[in-house]
Amino acid sequence: MDIPLRTHATTQERPRSLRYSRTWETGVSSIAEARDAVAALLSRARPAPVRRSVQDAQLVVSELLANAAAHAPGRCALLLELLPGAGALRVAVSDTSGQPPRRRPPDPGRVGGHGLHLVSMLSRDLEVTWLSLGKRITATVPLCHGTPG
C-alpha cells in the first residue's frame, strides 16, 4: 500500500523570539531603565502593539521589580520575551527571597501594597517558580494590536 507523503521546503528560518535580559548584582538600580527596555523591545514587535499594551507591560515590569527591590536583598534578574506573533510579552523577574509573593487585602486608603493586584489584572497568567536561591515570578501580559480608538 502506498502512503502519500507531503514534504514542505523550508527556505526561511523559523522566526526567533525577541528577548531582553538584565541582571543587577546588588538590587535593582533603575526601574526606569527596565521600562525603557520594554518600550524598545515592543517597538520591534510585528504586528506592533497599541500604546496601552506597552504601558500595561511597563507597569507590570515596574511592579515586579519594585517588589524584588523592596523584599529581596542581592541579585535580581529581568527577562523579557516576545514570542513570534507578538500576542503576549513574557516578563520574568528572579530574586533571592525565599518568601512567596503576598497580595495584601485591598485598601483604597493605603499607599503602596497594590502591585500584585495590578500585575494580576494586567496579566493573563502569573506563576511563581522556586529556585535554589530565591524565586522567579513570571507574568504573561497580553498585547493588543491595531489602531487605538
N, C-alpha and C. Protein backbone atom coordinates (compact mmCIF):
# COMPACT_ATOMS: atom_id res chain seq x y z
N MET A 1 0.85 -1.17 0.00
CA MET A 1 0.00 0.00 0.00
C MET A 1 0.89 1.23 0.00
N ASP A 2 0.61 2.14 -0.90
CA ASP A 2 1.38 3.38 -0.98
C ASP A 2 0.76 4.44 -0.09
N ILE A 3 1.59 5.08 0.66
CA ILE A 3 1.14 6.17 1.53
C ILE A 3 1.68 7.46 0.95
N PRO A 4 0.79 8.38 0.60
CA PRO A 4 1.28 9.63 0.04
C PRO A 4 2.03 10.45 1.09
N LEU A 5 3.16 10.96 0.72
CA LEU A 5 3.96 11.79 1.63
C LEU A 5 3.99 13.21 1.10
N ARG A 6 3.84 14.13 1.99
CA ARG A 6 3.96 15.53 1.61
C ARG A 6 5.21 16.09 2.27
N THR A 7 5.94 16.80 1.49
CA THR A 7 7.12 17.46 2.05
C THR A 7 6.96 18.95 1.87
N HIS A 8 7.55 19.67 2.77
CA HIS A 8 7.50 21.13 2.73
C HIS A 8 8.92 21.66 2.69
N ALA A 9 9.19 22.45 1.68
CA ALA A 9 10.51 23.08 1.61
C ALA A 9 10.52 24.27 2.55
N THR A 10 11.56 24.35 3.33
CA THR A 10 11.69 25.49 4.23
C THR A 10 12.88 26.31 3.79
N THR A 11 12.58 27.42 3.19
CA THR A 11 13.65 28.31 2.74
C THR A 11 13.88 29.42 3.74
N GLN A 12 12.92 29.61 4.65
CA GLN A 12 13.07 30.66 5.65
C GLN A 12 13.34 30.03 7.01
N GLU A 13 14.10 30.76 7.80
CA GLU A 13 14.30 30.31 9.18
C GLU A 13 13.04 30.56 9.97
N ARG A 14 12.84 29.76 10.99
CA ARG A 14 11.72 29.99 11.89
C ARG A 14 11.93 31.31 12.61
N PRO A 15 10.87 32.12 12.78
CA PRO A 15 11.06 33.40 13.46
C PRO A 15 11.59 33.20 14.87
N ARG A 16 12.53 34.00 15.24
CA ARG A 16 13.08 33.93 16.59
C ARG A 16 12.29 34.85 17.51
N SER A 17 12.31 34.50 18.78
CA SER A 17 11.66 35.37 19.73
C SER A 17 12.57 36.58 19.99
N LEU A 18 11.96 37.69 20.28
CA LEU A 18 12.71 38.88 20.67
C LEU A 18 12.87 38.83 22.18
N ARG A 19 14.10 39.09 22.66
CA ARG A 19 14.37 38.97 24.10
C ARG A 19 15.21 40.13 24.59
N TYR A 20 15.09 40.36 25.89
CA TYR A 20 15.93 41.31 26.60
C TYR A 20 16.18 40.72 27.97
N SER A 21 17.41 40.82 28.46
CA SER A 21 17.67 40.37 29.82
C SER A 21 18.65 41.32 30.49
N ARG A 22 18.52 41.39 31.78
CA ARG A 22 19.39 42.26 32.58
C ARG A 22 19.48 41.67 33.97
N THR A 23 20.67 41.71 34.55
CA THR A 23 20.87 41.25 35.92
C THR A 23 21.51 42.37 36.73
N TRP A 24 21.00 42.56 37.93
CA TRP A 24 21.57 43.51 38.86
C TRP A 24 22.16 42.69 40.01
N GLU A 25 23.43 42.92 40.32
CA GLU A 25 24.09 42.13 41.36
C GLU A 25 23.67 42.51 42.77
N THR A 26 23.34 43.76 42.98
CA THR A 26 23.00 44.21 44.34
C THR A 26 21.68 44.97 44.35
N GLY A 27 20.66 44.37 43.82
CA GLY A 27 19.35 45.01 43.81
C GLY A 27 19.15 45.84 42.55
N VAL A 28 17.91 46.15 42.29
CA VAL A 28 17.55 46.88 41.08
C VAL A 28 18.01 48.32 41.21
N SER A 29 18.77 48.79 40.23
CA SER A 29 19.27 50.17 40.30
C SER A 29 18.42 51.14 39.49
N SER A 30 17.68 50.65 38.49
CA SER A 30 16.91 51.56 37.67
C SER A 30 15.68 50.88 37.06
N ILE A 31 14.54 51.12 37.68
CA ILE A 31 13.29 50.60 37.14
C ILE A 31 12.94 51.35 35.86
N ALA A 32 13.31 52.62 35.78
CA ALA A 32 13.06 53.40 34.56
C ALA A 32 13.78 52.77 33.36
N GLU A 33 14.99 52.29 33.58
CA GLU A 33 15.74 51.63 32.52
C GLU A 33 15.00 50.37 32.04
N ALA A 34 14.42 49.64 32.95
CA ALA A 34 13.66 48.43 32.59
C ALA A 34 12.40 48.80 31.81
N ARG A 35 11.74 49.88 32.22
CA ARG A 35 10.55 50.34 31.47
C ARG A 35 10.95 50.74 30.05
N ASP A 36 12.08 51.41 29.91
CA ASP A 36 12.57 51.78 28.57
C ASP A 36 12.87 50.54 27.74
N ALA A 37 13.40 49.50 28.37
CA ALA A 37 13.70 48.26 27.66
C ALA A 37 12.42 47.61 27.13
N VAL A 38 11.34 47.68 27.92
CA VAL A 38 10.05 47.14 27.46
C VAL A 38 9.60 47.88 26.20
N ALA A 39 9.64 49.22 26.26
CA ALA A 39 9.22 50.02 25.11
C ALA A 39 10.08 49.72 23.88
N ALA A 40 11.39 49.61 24.07
CA ALA A 40 12.29 49.34 22.94
C ALA A 40 12.02 47.96 22.34
N LEU A 41 11.84 46.96 23.18
CA LEU A 41 11.57 45.61 22.69
C LEU A 41 10.24 45.57 21.94
N LEU A 42 9.21 46.16 22.52
CA LEU A 42 7.89 46.12 21.88
C LEU A 42 7.83 46.97 20.61
N SER A 43 8.74 47.93 20.47
CA SER A 43 8.77 48.72 19.24
C SER A 43 9.23 47.87 18.05
N ARG A 44 9.88 46.75 18.34
CA ARG A 44 10.36 45.84 17.29
C ARG A 44 9.35 44.75 16.98
N ALA A 45 8.26 44.68 17.72
CA ALA A 45 7.25 43.63 17.53
C ALA A 45 6.45 43.88 16.25
N ARG A 46 6.12 42.80 15.58
CA ARG A 46 5.26 42.86 14.41
C ARG A 46 4.21 41.77 14.53
N PRO A 47 2.96 42.11 14.57
CA PRO A 47 2.40 43.45 14.47
C PRO A 47 2.70 44.25 15.73
N ALA A 48 2.75 45.55 15.57
CA ALA A 48 3.08 46.43 16.70
C ALA A 48 1.90 46.51 17.68
N PRO A 49 2.17 46.39 18.96
CA PRO A 49 1.10 46.52 19.95
C PRO A 49 0.68 47.98 20.09
N VAL A 50 -0.56 48.19 20.51
CA VAL A 50 -1.06 49.54 20.76
C VAL A 50 -0.37 50.12 22.00
N ARG A 51 -0.41 51.42 22.09
CA ARG A 51 0.29 52.12 23.19
C ARG A 51 -0.15 51.63 24.57
N ARG A 52 -1.43 51.36 24.73
CA ARG A 52 -1.95 50.91 26.03
C ARG A 52 -1.31 49.59 26.45
N SER A 53 -1.10 48.68 25.50
CA SER A 53 -0.45 47.41 25.81
C SER A 53 0.99 47.62 26.26
N VAL A 54 1.68 48.55 25.62
CA VAL A 54 3.06 48.87 26.01
C VAL A 54 3.07 49.42 27.43
N GLN A 55 2.15 50.31 27.73
CA GLN A 55 2.07 50.88 29.08
C GLN A 55 1.73 49.82 30.12
N ASP A 56 0.82 48.91 29.79
CA ASP A 56 0.48 47.83 30.71
C ASP A 56 1.71 46.96 31.01
N ALA A 57 2.46 46.62 29.95
CA ALA A 57 3.66 45.81 30.13
C ALA A 57 4.69 46.55 30.98
N GLN A 58 4.84 47.85 30.77
CA GLN A 58 5.77 48.64 31.57
C GLN A 58 5.35 48.67 33.04
N LEU A 59 4.06 48.76 33.29
CA LEU A 59 3.58 48.77 34.67
C LEU A 59 3.85 47.43 35.35
N VAL A 60 3.63 46.34 34.64
CA VAL A 60 3.90 45.01 35.21
C VAL A 60 5.38 44.88 35.57
N VAL A 61 6.26 45.30 34.67
CA VAL A 61 7.70 45.24 34.94
C VAL A 61 8.05 46.12 36.14
N SER A 62 7.51 47.31 36.19
CA SER A 62 7.78 48.22 37.31
C SER A 62 7.37 47.61 38.64
N GLU A 63 6.18 47.04 38.69
CA GLU A 63 5.68 46.48 39.94
C GLU A 63 6.48 45.26 40.38
N LEU A 64 6.80 44.36 39.45
CA LEU A 64 7.57 43.17 39.83
C LEU A 64 8.97 43.53 40.29
N LEU A 65 9.61 44.48 39.60
CA LEU A 65 10.95 44.89 40.02
C LEU A 65 10.92 45.67 41.34
N ALA A 66 9.91 46.50 41.52
CA ALA A 66 9.80 47.23 42.80
C ALA A 66 9.62 46.27 43.96
N ASN A 67 8.83 45.21 43.76
CA ASN A 67 8.66 44.21 44.82
C ASN A 67 9.98 43.49 45.10
N ALA A 68 10.71 43.15 44.06
CA ALA A 68 12.00 42.48 44.25
C ALA A 68 12.96 43.40 45.00
N ALA A 69 12.99 44.67 44.62
CA ALA A 69 13.89 45.62 45.28
C ALA A 69 13.52 45.82 46.75
N ALA A 70 12.24 45.81 47.05
CA ALA A 70 11.79 46.06 48.43
C ALA A 70 11.93 44.84 49.33
N HIS A 71 11.79 43.64 48.78
CA HIS A 71 11.69 42.45 49.63
C HIS A 71 12.81 41.43 49.47
N ALA A 72 13.73 41.66 48.53
CA ALA A 72 14.77 40.66 48.30
C ALA A 72 16.14 41.32 48.21
N PRO A 73 17.01 41.02 49.15
CA PRO A 73 18.35 41.57 49.05
C PRO A 73 19.14 40.85 47.96
N GLY A 74 20.10 41.51 47.42
CA GLY A 74 21.01 40.82 46.50
C GLY A 74 20.57 40.82 45.05
N ARG A 75 21.03 39.80 44.38
CA ARG A 75 20.89 39.67 42.93
C ARG A 75 19.42 39.65 42.49
N CYS A 76 19.17 40.32 41.36
CA CYS A 76 17.84 40.36 40.76
C CYS A 76 18.02 40.31 39.25
N ALA A 77 17.14 39.59 38.56
CA ALA A 77 17.25 39.48 37.10
C ALA A 77 15.90 39.70 36.46
N LEU A 78 15.95 40.28 35.27
CA LEU A 78 14.76 40.53 34.47
C LEU A 78 14.95 39.86 33.12
N LEU A 79 13.94 39.14 32.66
CA LEU A 79 13.92 38.58 31.33
C LEU A 79 12.60 38.96 30.68
N LEU A 80 12.69 39.58 29.50
CA LEU A 80 11.52 39.91 28.69
C LEU A 80 11.60 39.06 27.44
N GLU A 81 10.49 38.43 27.09
CA GLU A 81 10.49 37.60 25.89
C GLU A 81 9.19 37.80 25.13
N LEU A 82 9.33 38.23 23.89
CA LEU A 82 8.21 38.41 22.99
C LEU A 82 8.25 37.27 21.99
N LEU A 83 7.28 36.40 22.06
CA LEU A 83 7.28 35.24 21.17
C LEU A 83 6.79 35.63 19.78
N PRO A 84 7.15 34.86 18.77
CA PRO A 84 6.68 35.16 17.42
C PRO A 84 5.16 35.32 17.38
N GLY A 85 4.70 36.28 16.61
CA GLY A 85 3.27 36.56 16.55
C GLY A 85 2.89 37.72 17.44
N ALA A 86 3.75 38.08 18.37
CA ALA A 86 3.57 39.24 19.26
C ALA A 86 2.23 39.25 19.98
N GLY A 87 1.74 38.09 20.38
CA GLY A 87 0.48 38.03 21.11
C GLY A 87 0.59 38.35 22.57
N ALA A 88 1.80 38.21 23.13
CA ALA A 88 2.00 38.45 24.56
C ALA A 88 3.48 38.68 24.84
N LEU A 89 3.72 39.37 25.94
CA LEU A 89 5.07 39.57 26.43
C LEU A 89 5.21 38.78 27.72
N ARG A 90 6.22 37.92 27.77
CA ARG A 90 6.50 37.17 28.99
C ARG A 90 7.53 37.96 29.79
N VAL A 91 7.18 38.26 31.04
CA VAL A 91 8.04 39.04 31.93
C VAL A 91 8.43 38.13 33.09
N ALA A 92 9.73 37.90 33.28
CA ALA A 92 10.19 37.06 34.39
C ALA A 92 11.17 37.85 35.23
N VAL A 93 10.89 37.91 36.54
CA VAL A 93 11.77 38.59 37.49
C VAL A 93 12.21 37.56 38.52
N SER A 94 13.52 37.39 38.65
CA SER A 94 14.09 36.47 39.63
C SER A 94 14.72 37.28 40.75
N ASP A 95 14.56 36.79 41.98
CA ASP A 95 15.19 37.47 43.11
C ASP A 95 15.65 36.43 44.13
N THR A 96 16.28 36.88 45.20
CA THR A 96 16.88 35.97 46.18
C THR A 96 15.99 35.67 47.37
N SER A 97 14.78 36.20 47.39
CA SER A 97 13.89 35.97 48.53
C SER A 97 13.22 34.60 48.43
N GLY A 98 13.20 33.90 49.55
CA GLY A 98 12.50 32.62 49.62
C GLY A 98 11.06 32.78 50.04
N GLN A 99 10.62 34.01 50.24
CA GLN A 99 9.24 34.27 50.66
C GLN A 99 8.32 34.34 49.44
N PRO A 100 7.15 33.74 49.54
CA PRO A 100 6.22 33.84 48.41
C PRO A 100 5.65 35.26 48.31
N PRO A 101 5.29 35.68 47.12
CA PRO A 101 4.65 36.99 46.99
C PRO A 101 3.28 36.94 47.69
N ARG A 102 2.91 38.03 48.33
CA ARG A 102 1.64 38.08 49.05
C ARG A 102 0.80 39.25 48.54
N ARG A 103 -0.43 38.94 48.21
CA ARG A 103 -1.38 40.01 47.89
C ARG A 103 -1.98 40.49 49.19
N ARG A 104 -1.84 41.77 49.43
CA ARG A 104 -2.43 42.34 50.62
C ARG A 104 -3.90 42.62 50.37
N PRO A 105 -4.72 42.59 51.41
CA PRO A 105 -6.14 42.89 51.21
C PRO A 105 -6.29 44.29 50.61
N PRO A 106 -7.23 44.45 49.69
CA PRO A 106 -7.43 45.77 49.08
C PRO A 106 -7.75 46.82 50.14
N ASP A 107 -7.13 47.98 50.01
CA ASP A 107 -7.39 49.10 50.91
C ASP A 107 -7.12 50.38 50.14
N PRO A 108 -8.19 51.01 49.63
CA PRO A 108 -8.00 52.21 48.82
C PRO A 108 -7.31 53.35 49.57
N GLY A 109 -7.33 53.33 50.89
CA GLY A 109 -6.69 54.38 51.67
C GLY A 109 -5.20 54.15 51.91
N ARG A 110 -4.71 52.96 51.59
CA ARG A 110 -3.30 52.63 51.84
C ARG A 110 -2.44 53.07 50.67
N VAL A 111 -1.29 53.63 50.99
CA VAL A 111 -0.30 53.95 49.97
C VAL A 111 0.59 52.72 49.82
N GLY A 112 0.68 52.20 48.62
CA GLY A 112 1.50 51.02 48.38
C GLY A 112 0.75 49.73 48.68
N GLY A 113 1.37 48.63 48.32
CA GLY A 113 0.79 47.32 48.59
C GLY A 113 -0.25 46.88 47.57
N HIS A 114 -0.32 47.55 46.43
CA HIS A 114 -1.31 47.21 45.41
C HIS A 114 -0.68 46.55 44.18
N GLY A 115 0.64 46.39 44.17
CA GLY A 115 1.36 45.94 43.00
C GLY A 115 0.91 44.59 42.45
N LEU A 116 0.78 43.58 43.31
CA LEU A 116 0.39 42.26 42.81
C LEU A 116 -1.05 42.25 42.29
N HIS A 117 -1.90 43.09 42.84
CA HIS A 117 -3.26 43.21 42.30
C HIS A 117 -3.20 43.75 40.87
N LEU A 118 -2.38 44.78 40.67
CA LEU A 118 -2.23 45.35 39.33
C LEU A 118 -1.65 44.33 38.36
N VAL A 119 -0.61 43.65 38.78
CA VAL A 119 0.03 42.64 37.93
C VAL A 119 -0.99 41.56 37.55
N SER A 120 -1.79 41.11 38.50
CA SER A 120 -2.79 40.09 38.22
C SER A 120 -3.85 40.58 37.24
N MET A 121 -4.25 41.83 37.39
CA MET A 121 -5.27 42.39 36.50
C MET A 121 -4.76 42.53 35.07
N LEU A 122 -3.48 42.84 34.91
CA LEU A 122 -2.92 43.11 33.59
C LEU A 122 -2.33 41.88 32.90
N SER A 123 -2.23 40.78 33.63
CA SER A 123 -1.60 39.56 33.10
C SER A 123 -2.64 38.47 32.91
N ARG A 124 -2.41 37.65 31.90
CA ARG A 124 -3.34 36.52 31.74
C ARG A 124 -2.84 35.29 32.49
N ASP A 125 -1.59 35.35 32.96
CA ASP A 125 -1.02 34.24 33.69
C ASP A 125 0.04 34.79 34.64
N LEU A 126 0.08 34.27 35.84
CA LEU A 126 1.07 34.68 36.83
C LEU A 126 1.54 33.42 37.54
N GLU A 127 2.86 33.20 37.53
CA GLU A 127 3.41 31.94 38.03
C GLU A 127 4.63 32.22 38.90
N VAL A 128 4.76 31.46 39.97
CA VAL A 128 5.95 31.53 40.83
C VAL A 128 6.69 30.21 40.70
N THR A 129 7.99 30.29 40.42
CA THR A 129 8.85 29.12 40.33
C THR A 129 9.93 29.25 41.39
N TRP A 130 10.05 28.24 42.23
CA TRP A 130 11.06 28.27 43.28
C TRP A 130 12.40 27.84 42.71
N LEU A 131 13.42 28.61 43.02
CA LEU A 131 14.78 28.34 42.54
C LEU A 131 15.64 27.90 43.72
N SER A 132 16.85 27.44 43.45
CA SER A 132 17.73 27.01 44.54
C SER A 132 18.02 28.17 45.50
N LEU A 133 18.06 29.37 44.98
CA LEU A 133 18.25 30.54 45.83
C LEU A 133 17.22 31.59 45.42
N GLY A 134 16.03 31.52 46.00
CA GLY A 134 15.01 32.52 45.71
C GLY A 134 13.89 31.99 44.84
N LYS A 135 13.37 32.89 44.00
CA LYS A 135 12.22 32.54 43.18
C LYS A 135 12.24 33.34 41.88
N ARG A 136 11.38 32.91 40.96
CA ARG A 136 11.16 33.64 39.72
C ARG A 136 9.65 33.82 39.58
N ILE A 137 9.24 35.05 39.35
CA ILE A 137 7.83 35.34 39.10
C ILE A 137 7.71 35.66 37.62
N THR A 138 6.80 34.94 36.95
CA THR A 138 6.61 35.12 35.52
C THR A 138 5.17 35.56 35.27
N ALA A 139 5.04 36.67 34.58
CA ALA A 139 3.72 37.19 34.20
C ALA A 139 3.66 37.22 32.67
N THR A 140 2.53 36.83 32.13
CA THR A 140 2.32 36.89 30.69
C THR A 140 1.32 38.01 30.42
N VAL A 141 1.81 39.06 29.76
CA VAL A 141 1.00 40.25 29.50
C VAL A 141 0.48 40.18 28.07
N PRO A 142 -0.86 40.11 27.90
CA PRO A 142 -1.39 40.08 26.53
C PRO A 142 -1.17 41.42 25.83
N LEU A 143 -0.95 41.36 24.53
CA LEU A 143 -0.74 42.56 23.74
C LEU A 143 -1.86 42.70 22.72
N CYS A 144 -2.44 43.89 22.65
CA CYS A 144 -3.48 44.19 21.67
C CYS A 144 -2.83 44.91 20.51
N HIS A 145 -3.34 44.65 19.31
CA HIS A 145 -2.78 45.24 18.10
C HIS A 145 -3.86 46.04 17.39
N GLY A 146 -3.43 46.91 16.54
CA GLY A 146 -4.36 47.68 15.74
C GLY A 146 -4.29 49.14 16.07
N THR A 147 -5.23 49.87 15.52
CA THR A 147 -5.26 51.31 15.72
C THR A 147 -5.98 51.62 17.02
N PRO A 148 -5.34 52.36 17.93
CA PRO A 148 -6.01 52.70 19.18
C PRO A 148 -7.25 53.54 18.88
N GLY A 149 -8.31 53.31 19.64
CA GLY A 149 -9.55 54.01 19.37
C GLY A 149 -9.81 55.16 20.15
